Amino acid sequence: MAKSKKRKNSDYKTSILTEETSTSKNGKKDGTRWAKAQEKAKERQRKKNQPAAKKEKGGVRAYFKGVKLEMKKVVWPTRSELGSFTVVVLATCAAFALLFWGIDSGVLAAIRAICF
């Protein structure tokens, strides 16, 4: 049974660092994981230090042009639909008003019966 060569943890890290940070003959870093990680870290730092990209400013004219385009996409109700929607809204408001008035009157009557 052959014994495997055991390294200490620090020896292993040292060997990885020296092997993976080497450069090729043309001066570029080789494609090792350590070199790639270093490049990613540098790129991340460069992006972090750069000012945030500014949004394009179109001005007031471009804003209203966009509003006009969006308003063209709106499906407007017909006159009869608008009238029926109005009736439904007013009827619902009246129903809730009566409901709240009834609950309020009931609670007030209960309080008067208990306290007075």
PDB file of N, CA and C in Angstrom:
ATOM      1  N   MET A   1       0.847  -1.168   0.000  1.00  0.00           N
ATOM      2  CA  MET A   1       0.000   0.000   0.000  1.00  0.00           C
ATOM      3  C   MET A   1       0.893   1.232   0.000  1.00  0.00           C
ATOM      4  N   ALA A   2       0.724   2.057  -1.000  1.00  0.00           N
ATOM      5  CA  ALA A   2       1.562   3.245  -1.116  1.00  0.00           C
ATOM      6  C   ALA A   2       0.992   4.362  -0.269  1.00  0.00           C
ATOM      7  N   LYS A   3       1.894   5.044   0.378  1.00  0.00           N
ATOM      8  CA  LYS A   3       1.456   6.164   1.198  1.00  0.00           C
ATOM      9  C   LYS A   3       1.283   7.393   0.306  1.00  0.00           C
ATOM     10  N   SER A   4       0.209   8.104   0.555  1.00  0.00           N
ATOM     11  CA  SER A   4      -0.003   9.327  -0.210  1.00  0.00           C
ATOM     12  C   SER A   4       0.778  10.453   0.440  1.00  0.00           C
ATOM     13  N   LYS A   5       1.211  11.362  -0.365  1.00  0.00           N
ATOM     14  CA  LYS A   5       1.982  12.488   0.125  1.00  0.00           C
ATOM     15  C   LYS A   5       1.020  13.523   0.704  1.00  0.00           C
ATOM     16  N   LYS A   6       1.122  13.754   1.990  1.00  0.00           N
ATOM     17  CA  LYS A   6       0.241  14.712   2.643  1.00  0.00           C
ATOM     18  C   LYS A   6       0.940  16.053   2.741  1.00  0.00           C
ATOM     19  N   ARG A   7       0.188  17.101   2.464  1.00  0.00           N
ATOM     20  CA  ARG A   7       0.717  18.449   2.604  1.00  0.00           C
ATOM     21  C   ARG A   7       0.002  19.148   3.736  1.00  0.00           C
ATOM     22  N   LYS A   8       0.683  20.071   4.307  1.00  0.00           N
ATOM     23  CA  LYS A   8       0.020  20.923   5.279  1.00  0.00           C
ATOM     24  C   LYS A   8      -0.850  21.914   4.508  1.00  0.00           C
ATOM     25  N   ASN A   9      -1.873  22.435   5.167  1.00  0.00           N
ATOM     26  CA  ASN A   9      -2.805  23.353   4.527  1.00  0.00           C
ATOM     27  C   ASN A   9      -2.077  24.588   4.003  1.00  0.00           C
ATOM     28  N   SER A  10      -1.158  25.114   4.767  1.00  0.00           N
ATOM     29  CA  SER A  10      -0.444  26.317   4.335  1.00  0.00           C
ATOM     30  C   SER A  10       0.440  26.032   3.131  1.00  0.00           C
ATOM     31  N   ASP A  11       1.041  24.837   3.065  1.00  0.00           N
ATOM     32  CA  ASP A  11       1.846  24.480   1.910  1.00  0.00           C
ATOM     33  C   ASP A  11       0.986  24.403   0.654  1.00  0.00           C
ATOM     34  N   TYR A  12      -0.205  23.855   0.822  1.00  0.00           N
ATOM     35  CA  TYR A  12      -1.120  23.714  -0.300  1.00  0.00           C
ATOM     36  C   TYR A  12      -1.517  25.079  -0.848  1.00  0.00           C
ATOM     37  N   LYS A  13      -1.881  25.998   0.053  1.00  0.00           N
ATOM     38  CA  LYS A  13      -2.267  27.340  -0.386  1.00  0.00           C
ATOM     39  C   LYS A  13      -1.111  28.049  -1.065  1.00  0.00           C
ATOM     40  N   THR A  14       0.077  27.896  -0.522  1.00  0.00           N
ATOM     41  CA  THR A  14       1.246  28.554  -1.098  1.00  0.00           C
ATOM     42  C   THR A  14       1.507  28.021  -2.494  1.00  0.00           C
ATOM     43  N   SER A  15       1.387  26.711  -2.669  1.00  0.00           N
ATOM     44  CA  SER A  15       1.653  26.133  -3.986  1.00  0.00           C
ATOM     45  C   SER A  15       0.598  26.574  -4.998  1.00  0.00           C
ATOM     46  N   ILE A  16      -0.644  26.675  -4.553  1.00  0.00           N
ATOM     47  CA  ILE A  16      -1.700  27.123  -5.465  1.00  0.00           C
ATOM     48  C   ILE A  16      -1.466  28.570  -5.867  1.00  0.00           C
ATOM     49  N   LEU A  17      -1.129  29.408  -4.903  1.00  0.00           N
ATOM     50  CA  LEU A  17      -0.916  30.816  -5.213  1.00  0.00           C
ATOM     51  C   LEU A  17       0.243  31.008  -6.163  1.00  0.00           C
ATOM     52  N   THR A  18       1.323  30.294  -5.954  1.00  0.00           N
ATOM     53  CA  THR A  18       2.477  30.479  -6.829  1.00  0.00           C
ATOM     54  C   THR A  18       2.221  29.903  -8.207  1.00  0.00           C
ATOM     55  N   GLU A  19       1.466  28.793  -8.294  1.00  0.00           N
ATOM     56  CA  GLU A  19       1.188  28.184  -9.588  1.00  0.00           C
ATOM     57  C   GLU A  19       0.184  29.006 -10.381  1.00  0.00           C
ATOM     58  N   GLU A  20      -0.862  29.481  -9.723  1.00  0.00           N
ATOM     59  CA  GLU A  20      -1.964  30.083 -10.453  1.00  0.00           C
ATOM     60  C   GLU A  20      -1.787  31.575 -10.717  1.00  0.00           C
ATOM     61  N   THR A  21      -0.836  32.205 -10.132  1.00  0.00           N
ATOM     62  CA  THR A  21      -0.638  33.625 -10.411  1.00  0.00           C
ATOM     63  C   THR A  21       0.451  33.839 -11.448  1.00  0.00           C
ATOM     64  N   SER A  22       0.969  32.767 -12.010  1.00  0.00           N
ATOM     65  CA  SER A  22       2.007  32.893 -13.017  1.00  0.00           C
ATOM     66  C   SER A  22       1.414  33.471 -14.294  1.00  0.00           C
ATOM     67  N   THR A  23       2.272  34.076 -15.071  1.00  0.00           N
ATOM     68  CA  THR A  23       1.833  34.642 -16.340  1.00  0.00           C
ATOM     69  C   THR A  23       2.473  33.859 -17.472  1.00  0.00           C
ATOM     70  N   SER A  24       1.835  33.923 -18.603  1.00  0.00           N
ATOM     71  CA  SER A  24       2.379  33.224 -19.759  1.00  0.00           C
ATOM     72  C   SER A  24       3.497  34.051 -20.376  1.00  0.00           C
ATOM     73  N   LYS A  25       4.090  33.540 -21.442  1.00  0.00           N
ATOM     74  CA  LYS A  25       5.240  34.194 -22.067  1.00  0.00           C
ATOM     75  C   LYS A  25       4.892  35.546 -22.679  1.00  0.00           C
ATOM     76  N   ASN A  26       3.652  35.713 -23.158  1.00  0.00           N
ATOM     77  CA  ASN A  26       3.299  36.972 -23.800  1.00  0.00           C
ATOM     78  C   ASN A  26       2.850  38.033 -22.795  1.00  0.00           C
ATOM     79  N   GLY A  27       2.941  37.753 -21.497  1.00  0.00           N
ATOM     80  CA  GLY A  27       2.634  38.747 -20.479  1.00  0.00           C
ATOM     81  C   GLY A  27       1.208  38.714 -19.980  1.00  0.00           C
ATOM     82  N   LYS A  28       0.359  37.937 -20.631  1.00  0.00           N
ATOM     83  CA  LYS A  28      -1.028  37.834 -20.177  1.00  0.00           C
ATOM     84  C   LYS A  28      -1.138  36.764 -19.110  1.00  0.00           C
ATOM     85  N   LYS A  29      -2.108  36.932 -18.249  1.00  0.00           N
ATOM     86  CA  LYS A  29      -2.319  35.929 -17.212  1.00  0.00           C
ATOM     87  C   LYS A  29      -2.929  34.692 -17.843  1.00  0.00           C
ATOM     88  N   ASP A  30      -2.550  33.557 -17.304  1.00  0.00           N
ATOM     89  CA  ASP A  30      -3.104  32.317 -17.837  1.00  0.00           C
ATOM     90  C   ASP A  30      -4.528  32.129 -17.332  1.00  0.00           C
ATOM     91  N   GLY A  31      -5.216  31.137 -17.829  1.00  0.00           N
ATOM     92  CA  GLY A  31      -6.627  30.939 -17.545  1.00  0.00           C
ATOM     93  C   GLY A  31      -6.906  30.156 -16.278  1.00  0.00           C
ATOM     94  N   THR A  32      -6.115  30.295 -15.258  1.00  0.00           N
ATOM     95  CA  THR A  32      -6.360  29.556 -14.026  1.00  0.00           C
ATOM     96  C   THR A  32      -7.475  30.208 -13.231  1.00  0.00           C
ATOM     97  N   ARG A  33      -8.017  29.436 -12.302  1.00  0.00           N
ATOM     98  CA  ARG A  33      -9.117  29.947 -11.491  1.00  0.00           C
ATOM     99  C   ARG A  33      -8.708  31.161 -10.679  1.00  0.00           C
ATOM    100  N   TRP A  34      -7.536  31.140 -10.128  1.00  0.00           N
ATOM    101  CA  TRP A  34      -7.082  32.246  -9.284  1.00  0.00           C
ATOM    102  C   TRP A  34      -6.978  33.534 -10.104  1.00  0.00           C
ATOM    103  N   ALA A  35      -6.416  33.426 -11.295  1.00  0.00           N
ATOM    104  CA  ALA A  35      -6.270  34.603 -12.148  1.00  0.00           C
ATOM    105  C   ALA A  35      -7.637  35.135 -12.569  1.00  0.00           C
ATOM    106  N   LYS A  36      -8.555  34.217 -12.890  1.00  0.00           N
ATOM    107  CA  LYS A  36      -9.901  34.649 -13.280  1.00  0.00           C
ATOM    108  C   LYS A  36     -10.616  35.330 -12.121  1.00  0.00           C
ATOM    109  N   ALA A  37     -10.434  34.791 -10.926  1.00  0.00           N
ATOM    110  CA  ALA A  37     -11.064  35.398  -9.756  1.00  0.00           C
ATOM    111  C   ALA A  37     -10.504  36.789  -9.498  1.00  0.00           C
ATOM    112  N   GLN A  38      -9.202  36.938  -9.681  1.00  0.00           N
ATOM    113  CA  GLN A  38      -8.581  38.253  -9.485  1.00  0.00           C
ATOM    114  C   GLN A  38      -9.123  39.258 -10.501  1.00  0.00           C
ATOM    115  N   GLU A  39      -9.253  38.817 -11.755  1.00  0.00           N
ATOM    116  CA  GLU A  39      -9.777  39.709 -12.790  1.00  0.00           C
ATOM    117  C   GLU A  39     -11.223  40.113 -12.493  1.00  0.00           C
ATOM    118  N   LYS A  40     -12.037  39.155 -12.047  1.00  0.00           N
ATOM    119  CA  LYS A  40     -13.419  39.476 -11.703  1.00  0.00           C
ATOM    120  C   LYS A  40     -13.493  40.454 -10.554  1.00  0.00           C
ATOM    121  N   ALA A  41     -12.630  40.272  -9.568  1.00  0.00           N
ATOM    122  CA  ALA A  41     -12.618  41.180  -8.424  1.00  0.00           C
ATOM    123  C   ALA A  41     -12.224  42.588  -8.856  1.00  0.00           C
ATOM    124  N   LYS A  42     -11.227  42.691  -9.721  1.00  0.00           N
ATOM    125  CA  LYS A  42     -10.802  44.015 -10.214  1.00  0.00           C
ATOM    126  C   LYS A  42     -11.923  44.676 -11.023  1.00  0.00           C
ATOM    127  N   GLU A  43     -12.586  43.890 -11.865  1.00  0.00           N
ATOM    128  CA  GLU A  43     -13.691  44.430 -12.668  1.00  0.00           C
ATOM    129  C   GLU A  43     -14.834  44.906 -11.782  1.00  0.00           C
ATOM    130  N   ARG A  44     -15.147  44.126 -10.761  1.00  0.00           N
ATOM    131  CA  ARG A  44     -16.191  44.508  -9.818  1.00  0.00           C
ATOM    132  C   ARG A  44     -15.832  45.817  -9.113  1.00  0.00           C
ATOM    133  N   GLN A  45     -14.568  45.962  -8.738  1.00  0.00           N
ATOM    134  CA  GLN A  45     -14.120  47.180  -8.060  1.00  0.00           C
ATOM    135  C   GLN A  45     -14.190  48.377  -9.013  1.00  0.00           C
ATOM    136  N   ARG A  46     -13.811  48.162 -10.296  1.00  0.00           N
ATOM    137  CA  ARG A  46     -13.892  49.255 -11.266  1.00  0.00           C
ATOM    138  C   ARG A  46     -15.329  49.721 -11.449  1.00  0.00           C
ATOM    139  N   LYS A  47     -16.253  48.750 -11.548  1.00  0.00           N
ATOM    140  CA  LYS A  47     -17.666  49.108 -11.718  1.00  0.00           C
ATOM    141  C   LYS A  47     -18.204  49.812 -10.486  1.00  0.00           C
ATOM    142  N   LYS A  48     -17.738  49.404  -9.330  1.00  0.00           N
ATOM    143  CA  LYS A  48     -18.208  50.015  -8.088  1.00  0.00           C
ATOM    144  C   LYS A  48     -17.746  51.464  -7.990  1.00  0.00           C
ATOM    145  N   ASN A  49     -16.543  51.745  -8.461  1.00  0.00           N
ATOM    146  CA  ASN A  49     -15.991  53.095  -8.371  1.00  0.00           C
ATOM    147  C   ASN A  49     -16.514  54.035  -9.444  1.00  0.00           C
ATOM    148  N   GLN A  50     -17.098  53.491 -10.519  1.00  0.00           N
ATOM    149  CA  GLN A  50     -17.630  54.337 -11.580  1.00  0.00           C
ATOM    150  C   GLN A  50     -18.939  54.969 -11.135  1.00  0.00           C
ATOM    151  N   PRO A  51     -19.224  56.184 -11.564  1.00  0.00           N
ATOM    152  CA  PRO A  51     -20.527  56.784 -11.226  1.00  0.00           C
ATOM    153  C   PRO A  51     -21.648  56.019 -11.913  1.00  0.00           C
ATOM    154  N   ALA A  52     -22.811  56.068 -11.302  1.00  0.00           N
ATOM    155  CA  ALA A  52     -23.971  55.353 -11.850  1.00  0.00           C
ATOM    156  C   ALA A  52     -24.330  55.933 -13.217  1.00  0.00           C
ATOM    157  N   ALA A  53     -24.763  55.072 -14.103  1.00  0.00           N
ATOM    158  CA  ALA A  53     -25.145  55.506 -15.444  1.00  0.00           C
ATOM    159  C   ALA A  53     -26.365  56.424 -15.342  1.00  0.00           C
ATOM    160  N   LYS A  54     -26.276  57.540 -16.009  1.00  0.00           N
ATOM    161  CA  LYS A  54     -27.375  58.504 -15.961  1.00  0.00           C
ATOM    162  C   LYS A  54     -28.453  58.094 -16.961  1.00  0.00           C
ATOM    163  N   LYS A  55     -29.694  58.313 -16.565  1.00  0.00           N
ATOM    164  CA  LYS A  55     -30.803  58.038 -17.470  1.00  0.00           C
ATOM    165  C   LYS A  55     -30.859  59.143 -18.511  1.00  0.00           C
ATOM    166  N   GLU A  56     -31.341  58.760 -19.663  1.00  0.00           N
ATOM    167  CA  GLU A  56     -31.449  59.749 -20.723  1.00  0.00           C
ATOM    168  C   GLU A  56     -32.525  60.763 -20.367  1.00  0.00           C
ATOM    169  N   LYS A  57     -32.212  62.023 -20.605  1.00  0.00           N
ATOM    170  CA  LYS A  57     -33.191  63.075 -20.369  1.00  0.00           C
ATOM    171  C   LYS A  57     -33.746  63.500 -21.714  1.00  0.00           C
ATOM    172  N   GLY A  58     -35.049  63.417 -21.821  1.00  0.00           N
ATOM    173  CA  GLY A  58     -35.672  63.764 -23.084  1.00  0.00           C
ATOM    174  C   GLY A  58     -36.297  65.142 -23.068  1.00  0.00           C
ATOM    175  N   GLY A  59     -36.476  65.702 -21.887  1.00  0.00           N
ATOM    176  CA  GLY A  59     -37.076  67.009 -21.801  1.00  0.00           C
ATOM    177  C   GLY A  59     -38.593  66.935 -21.744  1.00  0.00           C
ATOM    178  N   VAL A  60     -39.187  68.110 -21.663  1.00  0.00           N
ATOM    179  CA  VAL A  60     -40.635  68.224 -21.514  1.00  0.00           C
ATOM    180  C   VAL A  60     -41.355  67.767 -22.781  1.00  0.00           C
ATOM    181  N   ARG A  61     -40.801  68.105 -23.920  1.00  0.00           N
ATOM    182  CA  ARG A  61     -41.445  67.739 -25.195  1.00  0.00           C
ATOM    183  C   ARG A  61     -41.526  66.214 -25.341  1.00  0.00           C
ATOM    184  N   ALA A  62     -40.457  65.516 -25.002  1.00  0.00           N
ATOM    185  CA  ALA A  62     -40.455  64.050 -25.100  1.00  0.00           C
ATOM    186  C   ALA A  62     -41.428  63.439 -24.087  1.00  0.00           C
ATOM    187  N   TYR A  63     -41.533  64.053 -22.919  1.00  0.00           N
ATOM    188  CA  TYR A  63     -42.460  63.552 -21.908  1.00  0.00           C
ATOM    189  C   TYR A  63     -43.897  63.603 -22.423  1.00  0.00           C
ATOM    190  N   PHE A  64     -44.293  64.752 -22.952  1.00  0.00           N
ATOM    191  CA  PHE A  64     -45.663  64.886 -23.444  1.00  0.00           C
ATOM    192  C   PHE A  64     -45.913  64.046 -24.699  1.00  0.00           C
ATOM    193  N   LYS A  65     -44.875  63.815 -25.470  1.00  0.00           N
ATOM    194  CA  LYS A  65     -45.011  62.921 -26.622  1.00  0.00           C
ATOM    195  C   LYS A  65     -45.308  61.503 -26.135  1.00  0.00           C
ATOM    196  N   GLY A  66     -44.624  61.074 -25.070  1.00  0.00           N
ATOM    197  CA  GLY A  66     -44.884  59.764 -24.487  1.00  0.00           C
ATOM    198  C   GLY A  66     -46.270  59.670 -23.891  1.00  0.00           C
ATOM    199  N   VAL A  67     -46.715  60.756 -23.249  1.00  0.00           N
ATOM    200  CA  VAL A  67     -48.070  60.779 -22.683  1.00  0.00           C
ATOM    201  C   VAL A  67     -49.099  60.636 -23.792  1.00  0.00           C
ATOM    202  N   LYS A  68     -48.888  61.328 -24.888  1.00  0.00           N
ATOM    203  CA  LYS A  68     -49.821  61.264 -26.013  1.00  0.00           C
ATOM    204  C   LYS A  68     -49.886  59.846 -26.581  1.00  0.00           C
ATOM    205  N   LEU A  69     -48.724  59.188 -26.701  1.00  0.00           N
ATOM    206  CA  LEU A  69     -48.704  57.818 -27.208  1.00  0.00           C
ATOM    207  C   LEU A  69     -49.443  56.871 -26.273  1.00  0.00           C
ATOM    208  N   GLU A  70     -49.254  57.035 -24.970  1.00  0.00           N
ATOM    209  CA  GLU A  70     -49.935  56.159 -24.012  1.00  0.00           C
ATOM    210  C   GLU A  70     -51.438  56.405 -23.995  1.00  0.00           C
ATOM    211  N   MET A  71     -51.853  57.659 -24.168  1.00  0.00           N
ATOM    212  CA  MET A  71     -53.289  57.974 -24.169  1.00  0.00           C
ATOM    213  C   MET A  71     -53.986  57.387 -25.395  1.00  0.00           C
ATOM    214  N   LYS A  72     -53.244  57.202 -26.480  1.00  0.00           N
ATOM    215  CA  LYS A  72     -53.829  56.576 -27.657  1.00  0.00           C
ATOM    216  C   LYS A  72     -54.119  55.100 -27.411  1.00  0.00           C
ATOM    217  N   LYS A  73     -53.392  54.478 -26.484  1.00  0.00           N
ATOM    218  CA  LYS A  73     -53.584  53.060 -26.193  1.00  0.00           C
ATOM    219  C   LYS A  73     -54.774  52.802 -25.271  1.00  0.00           C
ATOM    220  N   VAL A  74     -55.277  53.840 -24.626  1.00  0.00           N
ATOM    221  CA  VAL A  74     -56.373  53.683 -23.678  1.00  0.00           C
ATOM    222  C   VAL A  74     -57.655  53.365 -24.427  1.00  0.00           C
ATOM    223  N   VAL A  75     -58.421  52.401 -23.902  1.00  0.00           N
ATOM    224  CA  VAL A  75     -59.726  52.076 -24.474  1.00  0.00           C
ATOM    225  C   VAL A  75     -60.763  52.848 -23.665  1.00  0.00           C
ATOM    226  N   TRP A  76     -61.340  53.884 -24.269  1.00  0.00           N
ATOM    227  CA  TRP A  76     -62.288  54.736 -23.580  1.00  0.00           C
ATOM    228  C   TRP A  76     -63.680  54.128 -23.654  1.00  0.00           C
ATOM    229  N   PRO A  77     -64.460  54.272 -22.573  1.00  0.00           N
ATOM    230  CA  PRO A  77     -65.830  53.724 -22.606  1.00  0.00           C
ATOM    231  C   PRO A  77     -66.733  54.576 -23.499  1.00  0.00           C
ATOM    232  N   THR A  78     -67.771  53.916 -24.020  1.00  0.00           N
ATOM    233  CA  THR A  78     -68.746  54.661 -24.815  1.00  0.00           C
ATOM    234  C   THR A  78     -69.636  55.461 -23.864  1.00  0.00           C
ATOM    235  N   ARG A  79     -70.490  56.312 -24.440  1.00  0.00           N
ATOM    236  CA  ARG A  79     -71.364  57.160 -23.611  1.00  0.00           C
ATOM    237  C   ARG A  79     -72.338  56.315 -22.783  1.00  0.00           C
ATOM    238  N   SER A  80     -72.879  55.268 -23.381  1.00  0.00           N
ATOM    239  CA  SER A  80     -73.831  54.424 -22.647  1.00  0.00           C
ATOM    240  C   SER A  80     -73.122  53.629 -21.537  1.00  0.00           C
ATOM    241  N   GLU A  81     -71.896  53.137 -21.813  1.00  0.00           N
ATOM    242  CA  GLU A  81     -71.130  52.430 -20.782  1.00  0.00           C
ATOM    243  C   GLU A  81     -70.790  53.366 -19.625  1.00  0.00           C
ATOM    244  N   LEU A  82     -70.427  54.587 -19.952  1.00  0.00           N
ATOM    245  CA  LEU A  82     -70.088  55.561 -18.916  1.00  0.00           C
ATOM    246  C   LEU A  82     -71.298  55.848 -18.029  1.00  0.00           C
ATOM    247  N   GLY A  83     -72.473  55.965 -18.633  1.00  0.00           N
ATOM    248  CA  GLY A  83     -73.692  56.201 -17.864  1.00  0.00           C
ATOM    249  C   GLY A  83     -74.017  55.034 -16.946  1.00  0.00           C
ATOM    250  N   SER A  84     -73.859  53.810 -17.448  1.00  0.00           N
ATOM    251  CA  SER A  84     -74.157  52.645 -16.601  1.00  0.00           C
ATOM    252  C   SER A  84     -73.132  52.499 -15.477  1.00  0.00           C
ATOM    253  N   PHE A  85     -71.879  52.782 -15.752  1.00  0.00           N
ATOM    254  CA  PHE A  85     -70.853  52.721 -14.699  1.00  0.00           C
ATOM    255  C   PHE A  85     -71.129  53.755 -13.610  1.00  0.00           C
ATOM    256  N   THR A  86     -71.573  54.944 -14.021  1.00  0.00           N
ATOM    257  CA  THR A  86     -71.890  55.996 -13.056  1.00  0.00           C
ATOM    258  C   THR A  86     -73.033  55.576 -12.144  1.00  0.00           C
ATOM    259  N   VAL A  87     -74.072  54.978 -12.723  1.00  0.00           N
ATOM    260  CA  VAL A  87     -75.210  54.506 -11.924  1.00  0.00           C
ATOM    261  C   VAL A  87     -74.759  53.445 -10.927  1.00  0.00           C
ATOM    262  N   VAL A  88     -73.920  52.521 -11.357  1.00  0.00           N
ATOM    263  CA  VAL A  88     -73.429  51.459 -10.463  1.00  0.00           C
ATOM    264  C   VAL A  88     -72.634  52.058  -9.306  1.00  0.00           C
ATOM    265  N   VAL A  89     -71.773  53.028  -9.582  1.00  0.00           N
ATOM    266  CA  VAL A  89     -70.955  53.649  -8.530  1.00  0.00           C
ATOM    267  C   VAL A  89     -71.837  54.394  -7.532  1.00  0.00           C
ATOM    268  N   LEU A  90     -72.816  55.171  -8.022  1.00  0.00           N
ATOM    269  CA  LEU A  90     -73.696  55.909  -7.122  1.00  0.00           C
ATOM    270  C   LEU A  90     -74.556  54.967  -6.282  1.00  0.00           C
ATOM    271  N   ALA A  91     -75.046  53.885  -6.874  1.00  0.00           N
ATOM    272  CA  ALA A  91     -75.850  52.913  -6.122  1.00  0.00           C
ATOM    273  C   ALA A  91     -75.011  52.228  -5.038  1.00  0.00           C
ATOM    274  N   THR A  92     -73.779  51.892  -5.365  1.00  0.00           N
ATOM    275  CA  THR A  92     -72.895  51.258  -4.386  1.00  0.00           C
ATOM    276  C   THR A  92     -72.589  52.210  -3.237  1.00  0.00           C
ATOM    277  N   CYS A  93     -72.311  53.473  -3.546  1.00  0.00           N
ATOM    278  CA  CYS A  93     -72.042  54.469  -2.494  1.00  0.00           C
ATOM    279  C   CYS A  93     -73.260  54.639  -1.587  1.00  0.00           C
ATOM    280  N   ALA A  94     -74.452  54.689  -2.178  1.00  0.00           N
ATOM    281  CA  ALA A  94     -75.678  54.836  -1.378  1.00  0.00           C
ATOM    282  C   ALA A  94     -75.901  53.618  -0.494  1.00  0.00           C
ATOM    283  N   ALA A  95     -75.642  52.422  -1.020  1.00  0.00           N
ATOM    284  CA  ALA A  95     -75.821  51.196  -0.231  1.00  0.00           C
ATOM    285  C   ALA A  95     -74.861  51.171   0.957  1.00  0.00           C
ATOM    286  N   PHE A  96     -73.620  51.523   0.732  1.00  0.00           N
ATOM    287  CA  PHE A  96     -72.657  51.540   1.840  1.00  0.00           C
ATOM    288  C   PHE A  96     -72.989  52.635   2.847  1.00  0.00           C
ATOM    289  N   ALA A  97     -73.467  53.781   2.371  1.00  0.00           N
ATOM    290  CA  ALA A  97     -73.860  54.847   3.299  1.00  0.00           C
ATOM    291  C   ALA A  97     -74.987  54.371   4.207  1.00  0.00           C
ATOM    292  N   LEU A  98     -75.998  53.712   3.631  1.00  0.00           N
ATOM    293  CA  LEU A  98     -77.101  53.171   4.444  1.00  0.00           C
ATOM    294  C   LEU A  98     -76.608  52.088   5.407  1.00  0.00           C
ATOM    295  N   LEU A  99     -75.694  51.240   4.951  1.00  0.00           N
ATOM    296  CA  LEU A  99     -75.148  50.186   5.796  1.00  0.00           C
ATOM    297  C   LEU A  99     -74.403  50.781   6.995  1.00  0.00           C
ATOM    298  N   PHE A 100     -73.541  51.745   6.742  1.00  0.00           N
ATOM    299  CA  PHE A 100     -72.788  52.362   7.840  1.00  0.00           C
ATOM    300  C   PHE A 100     -73.706  53.151   8.784  1.00  0.00           C
ATOM    301  N   TRP A 101     -74.734  53.810   8.222  1.00  0.00           N
ATOM    302  CA  TRP A 101     -75.684  54.526   9.072  1.00  0.00           C
ATOM    303  C   TRP A 101     -76.423  53.552   9.983  1.00  0.00           C
ATOM    304  N   GLY A 102     -76.820  52.407   9.433  1.00  0.00           N
ATOM    305  CA  GLY A 102     -77.514  51.396  10.231  1.00  0.00           C
ATOM    306  C   GLY A 102     -76.611  50.828  11.328  1.00  0.00           C
ATOM    307  N   ILE A 103     -75.378  50.519  11.011  1.00  0.00           N
ATOM    308  CA  ILE A 103     -74.445  49.996  12.022  1.00  0.00           C
ATOM    309  C   ILE A 103     -74.187  51.042  13.094  1.00  0.00           C
ATOM    310  N   ASP A 104     -73.978  52.285  12.691  1.00  0.00           N
ATOM    311  CA  ASP A 104     -73.722  53.367  13.644  1.00  0.00           C
ATOM    312  C   ASP A 104     -74.927  53.578  14.571  1.00  0.00           C
ATOM    313  N   SER A 105     -76.120  53.563  13.997  1.00  0.00           N
ATOM    314  CA  SER A 105     -77.333  53.731  14.814  1.00  0.00           C
ATOM    315  C   SER A 105     -77.503  52.576  15.791  1.00  0.00           C
ATOM    316  N   GLY A 106     -77.218  51.358  15.353  1.00  0.00           N
ATOM    317  CA  GLY A 106     -77.322  50.189  16.219  1.00  0.00           C
ATOM    318  C   GLY A 106     -76.334  50.238  17.370  1.00  0.00           C
ATOM    319  N   VAL A 107     -75.093  50.593  17.074  1.00  0.00           N
ATOM    320  CA  VAL A 107     -74.068  50.682  18.129  1.00  0.00           C
ATOM    321  C   VAL A 107     -74.426  51.798  19.103  1.00  0.00           C
ATOM    322  N   LEU A 108     -74.905  52.931  18.617  1.00  0.00           N
ATOM    323  CA  LEU A 108     -75.298  54.038  19.484  1.00  0.00           C
ATOM    324  C   LEU A 108     -76.486  53.629  20.388  1.00  0.00           C
ATOM    325  N   ALA A 109     -77.452  52.925  19.837  1.00  0.00           N
ATOM    326  CA  ALA A 109     -78.597  52.466  20.632  1.00  0.00           C
ATOM    327  C   ALA A 109     -78.129  51.465  21.708  1.00  0.00           C
ATOM    328  N   ALA A 110     -77.172  50.592  21.351  1.00  0.00           N
ATOM    329  CA  ALA A 110     -76.658  49.610  22.334  1.00  0.00           C
ATOM    330  C   ALA A 110     -75.914  50.332  23.463  1.00  0.00           C
ATOM    331  N   ILE A 111     -75.139  51.338  23.132  1.00  0.00           N
ATOM    332  CA  ILE A 111     -74.393  52.078  24.158  1.00  0.00           C
ATOM    333  C   ILE A 111     -75.356  52.812  25.073  1.00  0.00           C
ATOM    334  N   ARG A 112     -76.409  53.434  24.504  1.00  0.00           N
ATOM    335  CA  ARG A 112     -77.391  54.141  25.343  1.00  0.00           C
ATOM    336  C   ARG A 112     -78.123  53.167  26.256  1.00  0.00           C
ATOM    337  N   ALA A 113     -78.430  51.969  25.778  1.00  0.00           N
ATOM    338  CA  ALA A 113     -79.135  50.993  26.575  1.00  0.00           C
ATOM    339  C   ALA A 113     -78.279  50.483  27.735  1.00  0.00           C
ATOM    340  N   ILE A 114     -77.006  50.340  27.510  1.00  0.00           N
ATOM    341  CA  ILE A 114     -76.097  49.811  28.544  1.00  0.00           C
ATOM    342  C   ILE A 114     -75.718  50.899  29.559  1.00  0.00           C
ATOM    343  N   CYS A 115     -75.336  52.066  29.060  1.00  0.00           N
ATOM    344  CA  CYS A 115     -74.756  53.093  29.945  1.00  0.00           C
ATOM    345  C   CYS A 115     -75.789  54.011  30.578  1.00  0.00           C
ATOM    346  N   PHE A 116     -76.866  54.300  29.945  1.00  0.00           N
ATOM    347  CA  PHE A 116     -77.786  55.307  30.483  1.00  0.00           C
ATOM    348  C   PHE A 116     -79.018  54.693  30.974  1.00  0.00           C
TER     349      PHE A 116
END
